[in-house]
PDB file of N, CA and C in Angstrom:
ATOM      1  N   UNK A   1     -25.495   1.271  25.524  1.00  0.00           N
ATOM      2  CA  UNK A   1     -25.849   1.298  24.085  1.00  0.00           C
ATOM      3  C   UNK A   1     -27.243   0.857  23.894  1.00  0.00           C
ATOM      4  N   UNK A   2     -28.030   1.588  23.130  1.00  0.00           N
ATOM      5  CA  UNK A   2     -29.374   1.300  22.847  1.00  0.00           C
ATOM      6  C   UNK A   2     -29.420   0.132  21.839  1.00  0.00           C
ATOM      7  N   UNK A   3     -30.362  -0.722  21.882  1.00  0.00           N
ATOM      8  CA  UNK A   3     -30.554  -1.909  21.038  1.00  0.00           C
ATOM      9  C   UNK A   3     -30.844  -1.492  19.599  1.00  0.00           C
ATOM     10  N   UNK A   4     -31.243  -0.180  19.376  1.00  0.00           N
ATOM     11  CA  UNK A   4     -31.527   0.260  18.062  1.00  0.00           C
ATOM     12  C   UNK A   4     -30.300   0.821  17.417  1.00  0.00           C
ATOM     13  N   UNK A   5     -29.195   1.035  18.115  1.00  0.00           N
ATOM     14  CA  UNK A   5     -27.794   1.494  17.657  1.00  0.00           C
ATOM     15  C   UNK A   5     -26.978   0.342  17.039  1.00  0.00           C
ATOM     16  N   UNK A   6     -26.309   0.736  15.993  1.00  0.00           N
ATOM     17  CA  UNK A   6     -25.375  -0.205  15.338  1.00  0.00           C
ATOM     18  C   UNK A   6     -24.028   0.441  15.611  1.00  0.00           C
ATOM     19  N   UNK A   7     -23.205  -0.302  16.301  1.00  0.00           N
ATOM     20  CA  UNK A   7     -21.784   0.117  16.531  1.00  0.00           C
ATOM     21  C   UNK A   7     -20.831  -0.367  15.497  1.00  0.00           C
ATOM     22  N   UNK A   8     -20.115   0.555  14.832  1.00  0.00           N
ATOM     23  CA  UNK A   8     -19.207   0.281  13.862  1.00  0.00           C
ATOM     24  C   UNK A   8     -17.868  -0.076  14.479  1.00  0.00           C
ATOM     25  N   UNK A   9     -17.245  -1.207  14.139  1.00  0.00           N
ATOM     26  CA  UNK A   9     -15.908  -1.549  14.618  1.00  0.00           C
ATOM     27  C   UNK A   9     -15.004  -1.756  13.363  1.00  0.00           C
ATOM     28  N   UNK A  10     -13.660  -1.675  13.545  1.00  0.00           N
ATOM     29  CA  UNK A  10     -12.755  -1.853  12.538  1.00  0.00           C
ATOM     30  C   UNK A  10     -11.810  -2.939  12.919  1.00  0.00           C
ATOM     31  N   UNK A  11     -11.208  -3.581  11.877  1.00  0.00           N
ATOM     32  CA  UNK A  11     -10.204  -4.626  12.040  1.00  0.00           C
ATOM     33  C   UNK A  11      -8.936  -4.242  11.336  1.00  0.00           C
ATOM     34  N   UNK A  12      -7.830  -4.374  12.133  1.00  0.00           N
ATOM     35  CA  UNK A  12      -6.491  -4.041  11.618  1.00  0.00           C
ATOM     36  C   UNK A  12      -6.189  -5.149  10.576  1.00  0.00           C
ATOM     37  N   UNK A  13      -5.801  -4.704   9.467  1.00  0.00           N
ATOM     38  CA  UNK A  13      -5.365  -5.683   8.359  1.00  0.00           C
ATOM     39  C   UNK A  13      -3.914  -6.151   8.608  1.00  0.00           C
ATOM     40  N   UNK A  14      -3.305  -5.646   9.585  1.00  0.00           N
ATOM     41  CA  UNK A  14      -1.932  -6.195   9.905  1.00  0.00           C
ATOM     42  C   UNK A  14      -1.955  -7.148  10.892  1.00  0.00           C
ATOM     43  N   UNK A  15      -2.616  -6.846  12.162  1.00  0.00           N
ATOM     44  CA  UNK A  15      -2.604  -7.850  13.237  1.00  0.00           C
ATOM     45  C   UNK A  15      -3.956  -8.481  13.431  1.00  0.00           C
ATOM     46  N   UNK A  16      -4.984  -7.993  12.727  1.00  0.00           N
ATOM     47  CA  UNK A  16      -6.380  -8.560  12.892  1.00  0.00           C
ATOM     48  C   UNK A  16      -7.079  -8.256  14.254  1.00  0.00           C
ATOM     49  N   UNK A  17      -6.570  -7.330  14.940  1.00  0.00           N
ATOM     50  CA  UNK A  17      -7.274  -6.914  16.189  1.00  0.00           C
ATOM     51  C   UNK A  17      -8.335  -6.063  15.809  1.00  0.00           C
ATOM     52  N   UNK A  18      -9.565  -6.275  16.439  1.00  0.00           N
ATOM     53  CA  UNK A  18     -10.754  -5.502  16.298  1.00  0.00           C
ATOM     54  C   UNK A  18     -10.736  -4.274  17.178  1.00  0.00           C
ATOM     55  N   UNK A  19     -11.002  -3.071  16.696  1.00  0.00           N
ATOM     56  CA  UNK A  19     -10.879  -1.843  17.521  1.00  0.00           C
ATOM     57  C   UNK A  19     -12.047  -0.995  17.262  1.00  0.00           C
ATOM     58  N   UNK A  20     -12.331  -0.141  18.268  1.00  0.00           N
ATOM     59  CA  UNK A  20     -13.449   0.875  18.206  1.00  0.00           C
ATOM     60  C   UNK A  20     -12.856   2.123  17.482  1.00  0.00           C
ATOM     61  N   UNK A  21     -11.693   2.549  17.911  1.00  0.00           N
ATOM     62  CA  UNK A  21     -10.952   3.819  17.493  1.00  0.00           C
ATOM     63  C   UNK A  21      -9.698   3.428  16.635  1.00  0.00           C
ATOM     64  N   UNK A  22      -9.672   3.693  15.463  1.00  0.00           N
ATOM     65  CA  UNK A  22      -8.532   3.344  14.589  1.00  0.00           C
ATOM     66  C   UNK A  22      -7.257   4.116  15.100  1.00  0.00           C
ATOM     67  N   UNK A  23      -7.444   5.376  15.349  1.00  0.00           N
ATOM     68  CA  UNK A  23      -6.310   6.211  15.712  1.00  0.00           C
ATOM     69  C   UNK A  23      -5.624   5.896  16.908  1.00  0.00           C
ATOM     70  N   UNK A  24      -6.277   5.079  17.830  1.00  0.00           N
ATOM     71  CA  UNK A  24      -5.583   4.668  19.092  1.00  0.00           C
ATOM     72  C   UNK A  24      -4.921   3.361  18.943  1.00  0.00           C
ATOM     73  N   UNK A  25      -4.999   2.724  17.771  1.00  0.00           N
ATOM     74  CA  UNK A  25      -4.362   1.444  17.449  1.00  0.00           C
ATOM     75  C   UNK A  25      -2.830   1.578  17.243  1.00  0.00           C
ATOM     76  N   UNK A  26      -2.030   0.681  17.994  1.00  0.00           N
ATOM     77  CA  UNK A  26      -0.537   0.935  17.912  1.00  0.00           C
ATOM     78  C   UNK A  26       0.114   0.589  16.590  1.00  0.00           C
ATOM     79  N   UNK A  27      -0.607  -0.264  15.725  1.00  0.00           N
ATOM     80  CA  UNK A  27       0.037  -0.584  14.499  1.00  0.00           C
ATOM     81  C   UNK A  27       0.097   0.579  13.500  1.00  0.00           C
ATOM     82  N   UNK A  28      -0.712   1.612  13.665  1.00  0.00           N
ATOM     83  CA  UNK A  28      -0.633   2.806  12.781  1.00  0.00           C
ATOM     84  C   UNK A  28       0.152   3.901  13.299  1.00  0.00           C
ATOM     85  N   UNK A  29       0.739   3.660  14.429  1.00  0.00           N
ATOM     86  CA  UNK A  29       1.609   4.784  15.073  1.00  0.00           C
ATOM     87  C   UNK A  29       2.741   5.090  14.084  1.00  0.00           C
ATOM     88  N   UNK A  30       2.888   6.315  13.865  1.00  0.00           N
ATOM     89  CA  UNK A  30       3.891   6.808  12.966  1.00  0.00           C
ATOM     90  C   UNK A  30       3.619   6.806  11.499  1.00  0.00           C
ATOM     91  N   UNK A  31       2.436   6.472  11.126  1.00  0.00           N
ATOM     92  CA  UNK A  31       2.019   6.450   9.793  1.00  0.00           C
ATOM     93  C   UNK A  31       1.016   7.591   9.627  1.00  0.00           C
ATOM     94  N   UNK A  32       1.123   8.273   8.461  1.00  0.00           N
ATOM     95  CA  UNK A  32       0.275   9.485   8.073  1.00  0.00           C
ATOM     96  C   UNK A  32      -1.072   9.025   7.458  1.00  0.00           C
ATOM     97  N   UNK A  33      -1.081   7.899   6.776  1.00  0.00           N
ATOM     98  CA  UNK A  33      -2.327   7.576   6.055  1.00  0.00           C
ATOM     99  C   UNK A  33      -2.670   6.087   6.286  1.00  0.00           C
ATOM    100  N   UNK A  34      -4.008   5.839   6.266  1.00  0.00           N
ATOM    101  CA  UNK A  34      -4.492   4.556   6.291  1.00  0.00           C
ATOM    102  C   UNK A  34      -5.623   4.435   5.190  1.00  0.00           C
ATOM    103  N   UNK A  35      -5.844   3.054   4.836  1.00  0.00           N
ATOM    104  CA  UNK A  35      -6.904   2.795   3.925  1.00  0.00           C
ATOM    105  C   UNK A  35      -7.891   1.930   4.696  1.00  0.00           C
ATOM    106  N   UNK A  36      -9.182   2.272   4.447  1.00  0.00           N
ATOM    107  CA  UNK A  36     -10.275   1.491   5.112  1.00  0.00           C
ATOM    108  C   UNK A  36     -11.177   0.906   3.818  1.00  0.00           C
ATOM    109  N   UNK A  37     -11.274  -0.500   3.863  1.00  0.00           N
ATOM    110  CA  UNK A  37     -11.903  -1.154   2.812  1.00  0.00           C
ATOM    111  C   UNK A  37     -13.461  -1.235   3.123  1.00  0.00           C
ATOM    112  N   UNK A  38     -14.295  -1.857   2.257  1.00  0.00           N
ATOM    113  CA  UNK A  38     -15.726  -1.843   2.450  1.00  0.00           C
ATOM    114  C   UNK A  38     -16.077  -2.707   3.632  1.00  0.00           C
ATOM    115  N   UNK A  39     -15.221  -3.660   3.977  1.00  0.00           N
ATOM    116  CA  UNK A  39     -15.488  -4.515   5.221  1.00  0.00           C
ATOM    117  C   UNK A  39     -14.977  -4.041   6.504  1.00  0.00           C
ATOM    118  N   UNK A  40     -14.578  -2.778   6.563  1.00  0.00           N
ATOM    119  CA  UNK A  40     -14.057  -2.022   7.671  1.00  0.00           C
ATOM    120  C   UNK A  40     -12.750  -2.650   8.247  1.00  0.00           C
ATOM    121  N   UNK A  41     -11.960  -3.229   7.256  1.00  0.00           N
ATOM    122  CA  UNK A  41     -10.599  -3.484   7.532  1.00  0.00           C
ATOM    123  C   UNK A  41      -9.712  -2.296   7.308  1.00  0.00           C
ATOM    124  N   UNK A  42      -8.700  -1.985   8.109  1.00  0.00           N
ATOM    125  CA  UNK A  42      -7.930  -0.784   7.717  1.00  0.00           C
ATOM    126  C   UNK A  42      -6.470  -1.286   7.541  1.00  0.00           C
ATOM    127  N   UNK A  43      -5.791  -0.678   6.630  1.00  0.00           N
ATOM    128  CA  UNK A  43      -4.422  -0.999   6.302  1.00  0.00           C
ATOM    129  C   UNK A  43      -3.542   0.231   6.315  1.00  0.00           C
ATOM    130  N   UNK A  44      -2.315   0.166   6.618  1.00  0.00           N
ATOM    131  CA  UNK A  44      -1.369   1.244   6.523  1.00  0.00           C
ATOM    132  C   UNK A  44      -1.082   1.495   5.080  1.00  0.00           C
ATOM    133  N   UNK A  45      -0.940   2.758   4.783  1.00  0.00           N
ATOM    134  CA  UNK A  45      -0.535   3.188   3.448  1.00  0.00           C
ATOM    135  C   UNK A  45       0.936   3.754   3.557  1.00  0.00           C
ATOM    136  N   UNK A  46       1.875   3.056   2.925  1.00  0.00           N
ATOM    137  CA  UNK A  46       3.273   3.488   2.885  1.00  0.00           C
ATOM    138  C   UNK A  46       3.523   4.810   2.213  1.00  0.00           C
ATOM    139  N   UNK A  47       4.651   5.369   2.306  1.00  0.00           N
ATOM    140  CA  UNK A  47       4.961   6.710   1.557  1.00  0.00           C
ATOM    141  C   UNK A  47       4.918   6.549   0.164  1.00  0.00           C
ATOM    142  N   UNK A  48       5.189   5.280  -0.392  1.00  0.00           N
ATOM    143  CA  UNK A  48       5.136   5.195  -1.869  1.00  0.00           C
ATOM    144  C   UNK A  48       3.676   4.810  -2.317  1.00  0.00           C
ATOM    145  N   UNK A  49       2.697   4.867  -1.424  1.00  0.00           N
ATOM    146  CA  UNK A  49       1.295   4.735  -1.704  1.00  0.00           C
ATOM    147  C   UNK A  49       0.746   3.305  -1.800  1.00  0.00           C
ATOM    148  N   UNK A  50       1.687   2.371  -1.457  1.00  0.00           N
ATOM    149  CA  UNK A  50       1.189   0.945  -1.388  1.00  0.00           C
ATOM    150  C   UNK A  50       0.659   0.711  -0.067  1.00  0.00           C
ATOM    151  N   UNK A  51      -0.232  -0.351  -0.031  1.00  0.00           N
ATOM    152  CA  UNK A  51      -0.839  -0.800   1.212  1.00  0.00           C
ATOM    153  C   UNK A  51       0.112  -1.696   1.964  1.00  0.00           C
ATOM    154  N   UNK A  52       0.146  -1.688   3.257  1.00  0.00           N
ATOM    155  CA  UNK A  52       0.958  -2.667   4.087  1.00  0.00           C
ATOM    156  C   UNK A  52      -0.103  -3.561   4.760  1.00  0.00           C
ATOM    157  N   UNK A  53       0.014  -4.731   4.539  1.00  0.00           N
ATOM    158  CA  UNK A  53      -0.891  -5.713   5.180  1.00  0.00           C
ATOM    159  C   UNK A  53      -0.195  -7.087   5.335  1.00  0.00           C
ATOM    160  N   UNK A  54      -0.775  -8.025   5.794  1.00  0.00           N
ATOM    161  CA  UNK A  54      -0.204  -9.322   6.109  1.00  0.00           C
ATOM    162  C   UNK A  54      -1.023 -10.489   5.679  1.00  0.00           C
ATOM    163  N   UNK A  55      -0.389 -11.670   5.495  1.00  0.00           N
ATOM    164  CA  UNK A  55      -1.073 -12.910   5.241  1.00  0.00           C
ATOM    165  C   UNK A  55      -0.718 -13.990   6.203  1.00  0.00           C
ATOM    166  N   UNK A  56      -1.430 -14.959   6.463  1.00  0.00           N
ATOM    167  CA  UNK A  56      -1.153 -16.033   7.390  1.00  0.00           C
ATOM    168  C   UNK A  56      -1.306 -17.317   6.617  1.00  0.00           C
ATOM    169  N   UNK A  57      -0.169 -18.169   6.647  1.00  0.00           N
ATOM    170  CA  UNK A  57      -0.198 -19.344   5.795  1.00  0.00           C
ATOM    171  C   UNK A  57      -0.531 -20.551   6.681  1.00  0.00           C
ATOM    172  N   UNK A  58      -0.994 -20.314   8.009  1.00  0.00           N
ATOM    173  CA  UNK A  58      -1.305 -21.442   8.871  1.00  0.00           C
ATOM    174  C   UNK A  58      -0.270 -21.739   9.837  1.00  0.00           C
ATOM    175  N   UNK A  59       0.933 -21.218   9.539  1.00  0.00           N
ATOM    176  CA  UNK A  59       2.128 -21.241  10.460  1.00  0.00           C
ATOM    177  C   UNK A  59       2.796 -20.042  10.721  1.00  0.00           C
ATOM    178  N   UNK A  60       2.888 -19.079   9.772  1.00  0.00           N
ATOM    179  CA  UNK A  60       3.600 -17.881  10.039  1.00  0.00           C
ATOM    180  C   UNK A  60       2.851 -16.654   9.430  1.00  0.00           C
ATOM    181  N   UNK A  61       3.130 -15.440  10.040  1.00  0.00           N
ATOM    182  CA  UNK A  61       2.577 -14.237   9.386  1.00  0.00           C
ATOM    183  C   UNK A  61       3.615 -13.755   8.466  1.00  0.00           C
ATOM    184  N   UNK A  62       3.228 -13.265   7.277  1.00  0.00           N
ATOM    185  CA  UNK A  62       4.059 -12.647   6.327  1.00  0.00           C
ATOM    186  C   UNK A  62       3.580 -11.194   6.031  1.00  0.00           C
ATOM    187  N   UNK A  63       4.587 -10.261   6.308  1.00  0.00           N
ATOM    188  CA  UNK A  63       4.173  -8.843   6.051  1.00  0.00           C
ATOM    189  C   UNK A  63       4.453  -8.622   4.528  1.00  0.00           C
ATOM    190  N   UNK A  64       3.386  -8.040   3.925  1.00  0.00           N
ATOM    191  CA  UNK A  64       3.461  -7.763   2.480  1.00  0.00           C
ATOM    192  C   UNK A  64       3.731  -6.309   2.253  1.00  0.00           C
TER     193      UNK A  64
END
């Protein structure tokens, strides 16, 4: 990679893993749509149109 190049990476909004290629990430397997926000976080979009993401309260992950 040339020092003048900027590489864009994405972060899964569900598991918070940083990836180069979103379509290769296992969290989106079986989902037809994703949403990518301005900070390059991506989220699953459910059939009802709602985003599928998670929160961490310091002890446990909660799937929203």
